[in-house]
Each structure stands twice: as structure tokens, then as C-alpha cells.
C-alpha atoms as a PDB file:
ATOM      1  CA  MET A   1       2.718 -16.390 -15.759  1.00  0.00           C
ATOM      2  CA  THR A   2       2.797 -12.013 -15.954  1.00  0.00           C
ATOM      3  CA  LYS A   3       5.456 -10.893 -18.742  1.00  0.00           C
ATOM      4  CA  THR A   4       6.863  -8.380 -17.462  1.00  0.00           C
ATOM      5  CA  SER A   5       7.695  -6.147 -20.715  1.00  0.00           C
ATOM      6  CA  PRO A   6      10.971  -4.755 -21.127  1.00  0.00           C
ATOM      7  CA  PHE A   7      10.582  -1.154 -20.724  1.00  0.00           C
ATOM      8  CA  ARG A   8       9.194  -1.749 -16.804  1.00  0.00           C
ATOM      9  CA  VAL A   9      12.598  -3.385 -16.219  1.00  0.00           C
ATOM     10  CA  LEU A  10      14.314  -0.755 -17.566  1.00  0.00           C
ATOM     11  CA  PHE A  11      12.068   1.969 -15.806  1.00  0.00           C
ATOM     12  CA  ARG A  12      12.453   0.594 -12.524  1.00  0.00           C
ATOM     13  CA  LEU A  13      15.888   0.001 -13.072  1.00  0.00           C
ATOM     14  CA  GLY A  14      16.331   3.726 -13.774  1.00  0.00           C
ATOM     15  CA  LEU A  15      14.464   4.812 -10.453  1.00  0.00           C
ATOM     16  CA  LEU A  16      16.829   2.582  -8.481  1.00  0.00           C
ATOM     17  CA  THR A  17      19.859   3.586 -10.184  1.00  0.00           C
ATOM     18  CA  LEU A  18      18.433   7.425  -8.953  1.00  0.00           C
ATOM     19  CA  LEU A  19      17.929   5.999  -5.753  1.00  0.00           C
ATOM     20  CA  VAL A  20      21.607   4.594  -5.492  1.00  0.00           C
ATOM     21  CA  ILE A  21      23.726   7.640  -7.048  1.00  0.00           C
ATOM     22  CA  THR A  22      21.703  10.272  -4.447  1.00  0.00           C
ATOM     23  CA  MET A  23      22.247   7.867  -1.810  1.00  0.00           C
ATOM     24  CA  ALA A  24      25.801   8.072  -2.622  1.00  0.00           C
ATOM     25  CA  GLY A  25      26.018  11.624  -2.261  1.00  0.00           C
ATOM     26  CA  LEU A  26      25.499  11.716   1.480  1.00  0.00           C
ATOM     27  CA  PRO A  27      28.685  11.333   2.405  1.00  0.00           C
ATOM     28  CA  GLY A  28      29.958  13.451  -0.372  1.00  0.00           C
ATOM     29  CA  CYS A  29      29.412  16.678   2.686  1.00  0.00           C
ATOM     30  CA  ALA A  30      30.960  20.257   2.693  1.00  0.00           C
ATOM     31  CA  THR A  31      32.795  20.733   6.308  1.00  0.00           C
ATOM     32  CA  ALA A  32      31.224  23.183   8.570  1.00  0.00           C
ATOM     33  CA  PRO A  33      33.455  26.610   8.295  1.00  0.00           C
ATOM     34  CA  LYS A  34      34.948  27.467  11.585  1.00  0.00           C
ATOM     35  CA  ASP A  35      34.687  30.797  11.233  1.00  0.00           C
ATOM     36  CA  ALA A  36      31.308  32.409  12.935  1.00  0.00           C
ATOM     37  CA  ALA A  37      30.508  34.359  10.241  1.00  0.00           C
ATOM     38  CA  ALA A  38      30.895  32.025   7.949  1.00  0.00           C
ATOM     39  CA  ARG A  39      29.084  29.035   9.880  1.00  0.00           C
ATOM     40  CA  ALA A  40      26.364  30.882   9.656  1.00  0.00           C
ATOM     41  CA  GLU A  41      26.141  31.668   6.256  1.00  0.00           C
ATOM     42  CA  PHE A  42      26.599  28.038   5.444  1.00  0.00           C
ATOM     43  CA  GLU A  43      23.387  26.924   7.535  1.00  0.00           C
ATOM     44  CA  LYS A  44      21.640  29.463   5.696  1.00  0.00           C
ATOM     45  CA  ASP A  45      22.841  28.285   2.550  1.00  0.00           C
ATOM     46  CA  ASN A  46      21.385  24.446   4.555  1.00  0.00           C
ATOM     47  CA  ASP A  47      23.440  22.715   1.377  1.00  0.00           C
ATOM     48  CA  PRO A  48      25.727  20.148   3.716  1.00  0.00           C
ATOM     49  CA  ILE A  49      26.269  17.948   0.166  1.00  0.00           C
ATOM     50  CA  GLU A  50      27.038  20.887  -2.165  1.00  0.00           C
ATOM     51  CA  PRO A  51      30.407  19.195  -3.157  1.00  0.00           C
ATOM     52  CA  PHE A  52      27.811  16.397  -4.895  1.00  0.00           C
ATOM     53  CA  ASN A  53      25.740  18.509  -5.990  1.00  0.00           C
ATOM     54  CA  ARG A  54      27.126  21.129  -7.733  1.00  0.00           C
ATOM     55  CA  ALA A  55      28.625  17.245  -9.858  1.00  0.00           C
ATOM     56  CA  MET A  56      25.077  16.516 -10.057  1.00  0.00           C
ATOM     57  CA  PHE A  57      24.064  19.819 -10.952  1.00  0.00           C
ATOM     58  CA  ALA A  58      27.115  19.978 -13.533  1.00  0.00           C
ATOM     59  CA  PHE A  59      25.828  16.003 -15.145  1.00  0.00           C
ATOM     60  CA  ASN A  60      21.836  17.432 -15.290  1.00  0.00           C
ATOM     61  CA  GLN A  61      23.636  20.266 -17.192  1.00  0.00           C
ATOM     62  CA  GLN A  62      25.261  18.225 -19.781  1.00  0.00           C
ATOM     63  CA  MET A  63      22.300  16.081 -20.158  1.00  0.00           C
ATOM     64  CA  ASP A  64      20.146  19.434 -20.865  1.00  0.00           C
ATOM     65  CA  GLY A  65      22.895  20.939 -23.512  1.00  0.00           C
ATOM     66  CA  MET A  66      23.009  17.334 -25.419  1.00  0.00           C
ATOM     67  CA  LEU A  67      19.403  16.553 -25.210  1.00  0.00           C
ATOM     68  CA  LEU A  68      16.133  19.183 -23.894  1.00  0.00           C
ATOM     69  CA  ARG A  69      17.762  22.015 -25.101  1.00  0.00           C
ATOM     70  CA  PRO A  70      17.751  21.166 -28.180  1.00  0.00           C
ATOM     71  CA  ALA A  71      14.798  18.936 -28.019  1.00  0.00           C
ATOM     72  CA  ALA A  72      12.941  22.443 -26.875  1.00  0.00           C
ATOM     73  CA  VAL A  73      14.463  24.458 -29.697  1.00  0.00           C
ATOM     74  CA  VAL A  74      12.733  22.523 -31.950  1.00  0.00           C
ATOM     75  CA  PHE A  75       9.908  21.715 -29.777  1.00  0.00           C
ATOM     76  CA  LYS A  76       9.356  25.722 -30.022  1.00  0.00           C
ATOM     77  CA  GLY A  77      10.826  26.105 -33.232  1.00  0.00           C
ATOM     78  CA  VAL A  78       9.117  23.944 -35.652  1.00  0.00           C
ATOM     79  CA  LEU A  79       5.129  23.591 -33.661  1.00  0.00           C
ATOM     80  CA  PRO A  80       2.955  26.202 -34.305  1.00  0.00           C
ATOM     81  CA  VAL A  81       2.206  28.043 -31.296  1.00  0.00           C
ATOM     82  CA  PRO A  82      -1.374  27.087 -30.534  1.00  0.00           C
ATOM     83  CA  VAL A  83      -0.263  23.500 -30.831  1.00  0.00           C
ATOM     84  CA  GLN A  84       2.383  23.953 -28.134  1.00  0.00           C
ATOM     85  CA  ASN A  85      -0.090  25.341 -26.200  1.00  0.00           C
ATOM     86  CA  GLY A  86      -2.572  22.142 -26.448  1.00  0.00           C
ATOM     87  CA  VAL A  87      -0.024  19.742 -25.192  1.00  0.00           C
ATOM     88  CA  HIS A  88       0.963  22.119 -22.723  1.00  0.00           C
ATOM     89  CA  ASN A  89      -2.680  22.476 -21.590  1.00  0.00           C
ATOM     90  CA  PHE A  90      -3.261  18.069 -21.868  1.00  0.00           C
ATOM     91  CA  LEU A  91      -0.754  17.997 -19.892  1.00  0.00           C
ATOM     92  CA  SER A  92      -2.081  20.124 -17.259  1.00  0.00           C
ATOM     93  CA  ASN A  93      -5.192  18.490 -17.650  1.00  0.00           C
ATOM     94  CA  LEU A  94      -3.777  15.062 -17.030  1.00  0.00           C
ATOM     95  CA  ARG A  95      -2.555  15.837 -13.614  1.00  0.00           C
ATOM     96  CA  ALA A  96      -5.780  17.393 -12.697  1.00  0.00           C
ATOM     97  CA  PRO A  97      -6.412  14.686 -10.022  1.00  0.00           C
ATOM     98  CA  VAL A  98      -2.900  14.949  -8.822  1.00  0.00           C
ATOM     99  CA  VAL A  99      -3.686  18.698  -7.488  1.00  0.00           C
ATOM    100  CA  PHE A 100      -7.210  18.083  -6.383  1.00  0.00           C
ATOM    101  CA  ALA A 101      -5.622  15.291  -4.553  1.00  0.00           C
ATOM    102  CA  ASN A 102      -3.931  18.036  -2.570  1.00  0.00           C
ATOM    103  CA  ASP A 103      -6.512  20.543  -2.450  1.00  0.00           C
ATOM    104  CA  VAL A 104      -8.406  18.007  -0.599  1.00  0.00           C
ATOM    105  CA  LEU A 105      -5.070  16.872   1.802  1.00  0.00           C
ATOM    106  CA  GLN A 106      -4.465  20.625   2.634  1.00  0.00           C
ATOM    107  CA  GLY A 107      -8.092  21.393   3.546  1.00  0.00           C
ATOM    108  CA  GLU A 108      -8.563  24.051   0.471  1.00  0.00           C
ATOM    109  CA  MET A 109     -11.952  22.868   0.149  1.00  0.00           C
ATOM    110  CA  ASP A 110     -12.490  25.568  -3.199  1.00  0.00           C
ATOM    111  CA  ARG A 111      -9.142  25.447  -4.690  1.00  0.00           C
ATOM    112  CA  ALA A 112     -10.413  21.747  -5.105  1.00  0.00           C
ATOM    113  CA  GLY A 113     -13.765  22.709  -6.425  1.00  0.00           C
ATOM    114  CA  ASN A 114     -11.807  24.848  -8.693  1.00  0.00           C
ATOM    115  CA  THR A 115      -9.643  22.027  -9.761  1.00  0.00           C
ATOM    116  CA  ALA A 116     -12.276  19.623  -9.862  1.00  0.00           C
ATOM    117  CA  GLY A 117     -14.608  22.234 -12.641  1.00  0.00           C
ATOM    118  CA  ARG A 118     -12.289  22.709 -14.446  1.00  0.00           C
ATOM    119  CA  PHE A 119     -10.989  19.019 -14.573  1.00  0.00           C
ATOM    120  CA  VAL A 120     -14.719  18.033 -15.872  1.00  0.00           C
ATOM    121  CA  ILE A 121     -15.151  21.206 -18.136  1.00  0.00           C
ATOM    122  CA  ASN A 122     -11.380  20.847 -20.031  1.00  0.00           C
ATOM    123  CA  THR A 123     -11.853  16.851 -20.088  1.00  0.00           C
ATOM    124  CA  THR A 124     -15.206  17.477 -22.086  1.00  0.00           C
ATOM    125  CA  VAL A 125     -15.569  20.647 -23.850  1.00  0.00           C
ATOM    126  CA  GLY A 126     -11.817  20.863 -24.128  1.00  0.00           C
ATOM    127  CA  ILE A 127     -11.534  17.430 -26.093  1.00  0.00           C
ATOM    128  CA  LEU A 128      -9.560  15.390 -23.264  1.00  0.00           C
ATOM    129  CA  GLY A 129      -7.881  18.762 -21.836  1.00  0.00           C
ATOM    130  CA  VAL A 130      -6.199  20.041 -25.085  1.00  0.00           C
ATOM    131  CA  TRP A 131      -7.922  23.461 -25.476  1.00  0.00           C
ATOM    132  CA  ASP A 132      -8.199  25.085 -21.665  1.00  0.00           C
ATOM    133  CA  ALA A 133     -12.256  25.797 -22.156  1.00  0.00           C
ATOM    134  CA  ALA A 134     -12.509  26.770 -18.228  1.00  0.00           C
ATOM    135  CA  ALA A 135      -9.744  29.252 -18.239  1.00  0.00           C
ATOM    136  CA  TYR A 136     -11.741  30.952 -21.512  1.00  0.00           C
ATOM    137  CA  MET A 137     -14.940  30.897 -18.937  1.00  0.00           C
ATOM    138  CA  GLY A 138     -12.780  32.792 -16.752  1.00  0.00           C
ATOM    139  CA  ILE A 139     -12.209  29.448 -14.389  1.00  0.00           C
ATOM    140  CA  GLU A 140      -8.441  29.673 -14.252  1.00  0.00           C
ATOM    141  CA  GLY A 141      -5.962  27.018 -12.848  1.00  0.00           C
ATOM    142  CA  HIS A 142      -3.522  26.644  -9.896  1.00  0.00           C
ATOM    143  CA  SER A 143      -0.465  23.604  -9.527  1.00  0.00           C
ATOM    144  CA  GLU A 144      -0.339  21.709  -6.019  1.00  0.00           C
ATOM    145  CA  ASP A 145       1.992  18.992  -4.952  1.00  0.00           C
ATOM    146  CA  PHE A 146       2.547  16.284  -2.265  1.00  0.00           C
ATOM    147  CA  GLY A 147       5.817  18.463  -1.326  1.00  0.00           C
ATOM    148  CA  GLN A 148       3.576  21.395  -0.996  1.00  0.00           C
ATOM    149  CA  THR A 149       1.121  19.499   1.565  1.00  0.00           C
ATOM    150  CA  PHE A 150       3.735  17.953   3.400  1.00  0.00           C
ATOM    151  CA  ALA A 151       4.899  21.783   4.031  1.00  0.00           C
ATOM    152  CA  VAL A 152       1.245  22.724   4.777  1.00  0.00           C
ATOM    153  CA  TRP A 153       0.946  19.305   7.315  1.00  0.00           C
ATOM    154  CA  GLY A 154       4.499  21.122   8.998  1.00  0.00           C
ATOM    155  CA  ALA A 155       7.243  19.573   7.402  1.00  0.00           C
ATOM    156  CA  GLY A 156      10.503  20.719   7.260  1.00  0.00           C
ATOM    157  CA  GLU A 157      11.704  20.945   3.726  1.00  0.00           C
ATOM    158  CA  GLY A 158      15.533  19.262   5.202  1.00  0.00           C
ATOM    159  CA  PHE A 159      18.386  19.710   3.397  1.00  0.00           C
ATOM    160  CA  TYR A 160      19.225  21.392  -0.422  1.00  0.00           C
ATOM    161  CA  ILE A 161      19.830  18.261  -2.599  1.00  0.00           C
ATOM    162  CA  VAL A 162      19.750  18.056  -6.482  1.00  0.00           C
ATOM    163  CA  LEU A 163      18.631  14.923  -7.959  1.00  0.00           C
ATOM    164  CA  PRO A 164      19.921  13.111 -11.315  1.00  0.00           C
ATOM    165  CA  LEU A 165      18.216  14.722 -14.506  1.00  0.00           C
ATOM    166  CA  LEU A 166      15.093  15.694 -12.112  1.00  0.00           C
ATOM    167  CA  GLY A 167      16.833  18.907 -10.383  1.00  0.00           C
ATOM    168  CA  PRO A 168      16.976  20.795  -7.393  1.00  0.00           C
ATOM    169  CA  SER A 169      14.932  19.430  -4.615  1.00  0.00           C
ATOM    170  CA  ASN A 170      14.809  18.529  -1.097  1.00  0.00           C
ATOM    171  CA  PRO A 171      13.832  15.618   0.675  1.00  0.00           C
ATOM    172  CA  ARG A 172      10.622  16.781   1.497  1.00  0.00           C
ATOM    173  CA  ASP A 173       9.898  17.675  -2.020  1.00  0.00           C
ATOM    174  CA  ALA A 174      11.701  14.327  -3.150  1.00  0.00           C
ATOM    175  CA  LEU A 175       8.977  12.318  -1.136  1.00  0.00           C
ATOM    176  CA  GLY A 176       6.270  14.140  -2.785  1.00  0.00           C
ATOM    177  CA  LEU A 177       7.253  12.797  -6.084  1.00  0.00           C
ATOM    178  CA  VAL A 178       7.401   9.662  -5.434  1.00  0.00           C
ATOM    179  CA  THR A 179       4.070   9.689  -3.735  1.00  0.00           C
ATOM    180  CA  GLU A 180       2.895  10.824  -6.741  1.00  0.00           C
ATOM    181  CA  TYR A 181       4.310   8.683  -8.576  1.00  0.00           C
ATOM    182  CA  PHE A 182       2.686   6.146  -7.147  1.00  0.00           C
ATOM    183  CA  VAL A 183      -0.426   7.809  -6.459  1.00  0.00           C
ATOM    184  CA  ASP A 184      -0.879   9.836  -9.881  1.00  0.00           C
ATOM    185  CA  PRO A 185      -4.659   8.142 -11.707  1.00  0.00           C
ATOM    186  CA  PHE A 186      -2.421   8.357 -14.903  1.00  0.00           C
ATOM    187  CA  ASN A 187       0.869   5.849 -13.724  1.00  0.00           C
ATOM    188  CA  ILE A 188      -1.678   3.293 -11.767  1.00  0.00           C
ATOM    189  CA  TRP A 189      -3.151   3.146 -15.234  1.00  0.00           C
ATOM    190  CA  VAL A 190      -0.326   2.223 -17.130  1.00  0.00           C
ATOM    191  CA  ARG A 191       1.119  -0.198 -14.103  1.00  0.00           C
ATOM    192  CA  ASN A 192      -2.073  -1.660 -14.424  1.00  0.00           C
ATOM    193  CA  GLU A 193      -1.716  -2.607 -18.408  1.00  0.00           C
ATOM    194  CA  ASP A 194       1.787  -2.885 -17.999  1.00  0.00           C
ATOM    195  CA  ALA A 195       2.426   0.007 -20.508  1.00  0.00           C
ATOM    196  CA  GLU A 196       4.950   1.482 -17.827  1.00  0.00           C
ATOM    197  CA  GLU A 197       7.002   3.145 -21.078  1.00  0.00           C
ATOM    198  CA  TRP A 198       4.055   5.744 -21.424  1.00  0.00           C
ATOM    199  CA  ILE A 199       5.043   7.378 -17.288  1.00  0.00           C
ATOM    200  CA  ILE A 200       8.536   8.014 -19.592  1.00  0.00           C
ATOM    201  CA  VAL A 201       6.986   9.789 -22.438  1.00  0.00           C
ATOM    202  CA  ARG A 202       4.452  11.809 -20.499  1.00  0.00           C
ATOM    203  CA  ALA A 203       7.944  12.790 -17.907  1.00  0.00           C
ATOM    204  CA  LEU A 204       9.694  13.829 -21.069  1.00  0.00           C
ATOM    205  CA  VAL A 205       6.871  15.900 -22.730  1.00  0.00           C
ATOM    206  CA  THR A 206       6.365  17.811 -20.087  1.00  0.00           C
ATOM    207  CA  GLY A 207      10.070  18.579 -19.170  1.00  0.00           C
ATOM    208  CA  ILE A 208      10.082  19.277 -23.365  1.00  0.00           C
ATOM    209  CA  ASP A 209       7.328  21.823 -22.695  1.00  0.00           C
ATOM    210  CA  PHE A 210       8.930  22.919 -19.507  1.00  0.00           C
ATOM    211  CA  ARG A 211      12.460  24.102 -20.993  1.00  0.00           C
ATOM    212  CA  ALA A 212      10.699  25.293 -24.280  1.00  0.00           C
ATOM    213  CA  ARG A 213       8.391  27.360 -22.339  1.00  0.00           C
ATOM    214  CA  ASN A 214      11.724  28.596 -20.130  1.00  0.00           C
ATOM    215  CA  LEU A 215      13.848  28.660 -22.972  1.00  0.00           C
ATOM    216  CA  GLU A 216      14.745  32.116 -23.419  1.00  0.00           C
ATOM    217  CA  THR A 217      14.705  32.724 -19.444  1.00  0.00           C
ATOM    218  CA  ILE A 218      17.215  29.996 -18.278  1.00  0.00           C
ATOM    219  CA  ASP A 219      19.414  30.630 -21.058  1.00  0.00           C
ATOM    220  CA  GLU A 220      19.964  34.443 -19.472  1.00  0.00           C
ATOM    221  CA  LEU A 221      19.974  33.496 -15.922  1.00  0.00           C
ATOM    222  CA  GLU A 222      22.870  31.099 -16.884  1.00  0.00           C
ATOM    223  CA  ARG A 223      24.349  34.500 -19.222  1.00  0.00           C
ATOM    224  CA  THR A 224      24.311  36.646 -16.283  1.00  0.00           C
ATOM    225  CA  SER A 225      24.693  34.701 -13.115  1.00  0.00           C
ATOM    226  CA  LEU A 226      28.559  34.875 -11.491  1.00  0.00           C
ATOM    227  CA  ASP A 227      27.645  31.215 -10.472  1.00  0.00           C
ATOM    228  CA  PHE A 228      25.026  29.177 -12.118  1.00  0.00           C
ATOM    229  CA  TYR A 229      24.329  26.914  -9.356  1.00  0.00           C
ATOM    230  CA  ILE A 230      23.651  29.643  -6.755  1.00  0.00           C
ATOM    231  CA  ALA A 231      21.069  31.051  -8.845  1.00  0.00           C
ATOM    232  CA  VAL A 232      19.380  28.147  -9.316  1.00  0.00           C
ATOM    233  CA  ARG A 233      19.082  27.356  -6.164  1.00  0.00           C
ATOM    234  CA  SER A 234      18.146  30.019  -4.630  1.00  0.00           C
ATOM    235  CA  LEU A 235      15.536  30.369  -7.651  1.00  0.00           C
ATOM    236  CA  TYR A 236      14.406  26.776  -6.606  1.00  0.00           C
ATOM    237  CA  ARG A 237      13.836  27.334  -3.465  1.00  0.00           C
ATOM    238  CA  GLN A 238      12.207  31.120  -3.445  1.00  0.00           C
ATOM    239  CA  ARG A 239       9.938  29.826  -6.173  1.00  0.00           C
ATOM    240  CA  ARG A 240       8.768  26.656  -3.653  1.00  0.00           C
ATOM    241  CA  ILE A 241       8.028  29.587  -0.651  1.00  0.00           C
ATOM    242  CA  ASP A 242       6.005  31.091  -3.410  1.00  0.00           C
ATOM    243  CA  ALA A 243       4.279  27.942  -4.014  1.00  0.00           C
ATOM    244  CA  ILE A 244       2.953  26.691  -0.834  1.00  0.00           C
ATOM    245  CA  ALA A 245       2.533  30.004   0.025  1.00  0.00           C
ATOM    246  CA  ASN A 246      -0.342  30.051  -2.713  1.00  0.00           C
ATOM    247  CA  GLY A 247       1.362  33.112  -4.404  1.00  0.00           C
ATOM    248  CA  LYS A 248       0.791  35.202  -0.591  1.00  0.00           C
ATOM    249  CA  ALA A 249       3.154  37.598  -0.148  1.00  0.00           C
ATOM    250  CA  THR A 250       5.995  35.821   1.599  1.00  0.00           C
ATOM    251  CA  SER A 251       9.477  37.356   3.212  1.00  0.00           C
ATOM    252  CA  GLU A 252      11.215  36.217   0.245  1.00  0.00           C
ATOM    253  CA  GLN A 253       9.509  36.994  -2.575  1.00  0.00           C
ATOM    254  CA  PRO A 254       9.875  35.233  -5.761  1.00  0.00           C
ATOM    255  CA  ALA A 255      12.326  35.735  -8.577  1.00  0.00           C
ATOM    256  CA  PRO A 256       9.935  36.518 -11.661  1.00  0.00           C
ATOM    257  CA  GLY A 257       9.662  34.943 -15.150  1.00  0.00           C
ATOM    258  CA  ILE A 258      10.059  31.277 -14.814  1.00  0.00           C
ATOM    259  CA  THR A 259       7.640  28.942 -14.400  1.00  0.00           C
ATOM    260  CA  PHE A 260       8.333  26.005 -12.999  1.00  0.00           C
ATOM    261  CA  GLU A 261       4.686  24.659 -12.763  1.00  0.00           C
ATOM    262  CA  PRO A 262       2.920  23.444 -15.435  1.00  0.00           C
ATOM    263  CA  GLU A 263      -0.328  25.408 -15.065  1.00  0.00           C
ATOM    264  CA  LEU A 264       0.918  29.170 -16.863  1.00  0.00           C
ATOM    265  CA  LYS A 265      -1.834  30.313 -14.408  1.00  0.00           C
ATOM    266  CA  LYS A 266      -2.653  30.682 -10.583  1.00  0.00           C
ATOM    267  CA  ASN A 267      -5.249  31.397  -8.485  1.00  0.00           C
ATOM    268  CA  THR A 268      -3.495  33.049  -5.874  1.00  0.00           C
ATOM    269  CA  THR A 269      -7.151  34.997  -4.527  1.00  0.00           C
ATOM    270  CA  ASP A 270      -6.863  32.561  -1.617  1.00  0.00           C
ATOM    271  CA  GLY A 271      -3.831  31.704   0.227  1.00  0.00           C
ATOM    272  CA  LYS A 272      -3.163  28.971   2.817  1.00  0.00           C
ATOM    273  CA  SER A 273      -1.320  29.123   6.343  1.00  0.00           C
ATOM    274  CA  ALA A 274       1.400  27.345   5.552  1.00  0.00           C
ATOM    275  CA  ARG A 275       5.570  26.259   6.489  1.00  0.00           C
ATOM    276  CA  ALA A 276       7.733  27.230   3.972  1.00  0.00           C
ATOM    277  CA  GLU A 277      10.284  24.899   5.941  1.00  0.00           C
END
């Protein structure tokens, strides 16, 4: 009989808890205004569970203030820049098979070839991706995920939701996250090795890397926003529209400055005809 590690049990309980908490928020819907203009604004916001979302947003802010931001400050203040970049590059390279799969599923074969070439070069010459040798050779990277693929296939985004610990999302992108969890080759390997704790370690390091790279930008956004919740909601949607369109000009231009994707540079020379919603 195979023995299940305590980390695997805790991780699965954590996933179940997140699902229960998220689903528990669905009854907490905001009431649509009766006034026509106010109702139009309400529908544009597409945030019918705003009371739950604001509560979860406040919870995530508390977790960020207690754990993630302090870790990011130490990460950025203690580690030399080349080490920070090495961590970032390694994480990006580790996710390359997922990017490749989404390139193919979206019919973006040129971008798929770009991703495959970068992965081979960076895994070998770049020493498991620690050094972005492909970028040095002029082969820039980009990022894709299953939420973007579902959008290209015509799936609507659904309503806005703030996930516990994971932050802004929608049903389409949340399904993309679940899909990636199950099909990511690294996740499959560590699950088969009964070492699921490494999925948690990877997620934590990725979160710290993201927070460190956007430390000043997020702090400034919070300081200057009249309503930080609304500012983050708007920024998230604009960034997703831009990502789905592969950086092509859209009717809603992304707010500059914040890096949501693991790749620092995106290949924007070719786009895809996609539905943003």
C-alpha cells in the first residue's frame, strides 16, 4: 500500500478549502440597482459578488502585508540582482512546456517554435534556464496560459472573482489555473514522486519573485488609488485583454508598469484573433 505524504494531504485539503471558500461567496451577490444608469454601470463592472470579493481582497491584503511583501523585500534587498534574475529565469523556463502547449492549442505555430527553441537553448546552454541564453541570442520570450487559450476558443470570461491567496480572476481563468495544475509536466512528475510539497514551494517562490519585481509599482498603485480594490480589478482586466491579444492594440489599452506574467519580455510581432470576453 502506497503511503501518502502529509504534504500531499495538506495540499489537497488546501485546494478543497479554497474551493469551498470560493463557492461560499457565490450567494453573497450584490443587488443590481434599479436606476438605469446605475444598472448599466453595475453590469459593466461585471462584479455581482462584490461583497464577497471585497472581503477576500481584504484577506489577501492581510496575507500580503504579513507574509508576501516582507519576503519580497528581503528577496530584493538581500539577493544580488544576478541571483534574482536567475531565479526568475529558472521559473520561466520551468513553465515553458505549458506555454508551448497553449501556443499549439491556439494554432500559433510560429510562437510554439519560438517557445520550444527557447526551452532547448535555455535548458542546455542556459543551465536549466538560470541564464536566459535565448534572449541573449535575440530569441525573446512570451507567456501563455489556459485562460488565454479558452478565450481564443470563444469562452466568455464570466463574472469577476477574487480567489483566496491567488487574487483577481474569473471562472474562465480559474478553470485555466486548475487545468495547468493537472497538466503541467513538473506537477505531474512531483505528484508521481509523492513530493507534492515542491508544487507549493514553486508557487511560493513564484509569488515572491512577482511581488519583488512589482514592489514599488504595487505600493504606488495602492497609495494613489481612491479605491484600491477597483484599481486592481480594472488593471487585471486590462492586462488580461492585452495578454489574450498578444499585445496587439485593443479598445482597452493596458495600464503600464506592472508585470503579471513570468516573462519579462513578450513577443508582440504576431497576434491572434481572439475574443477577450
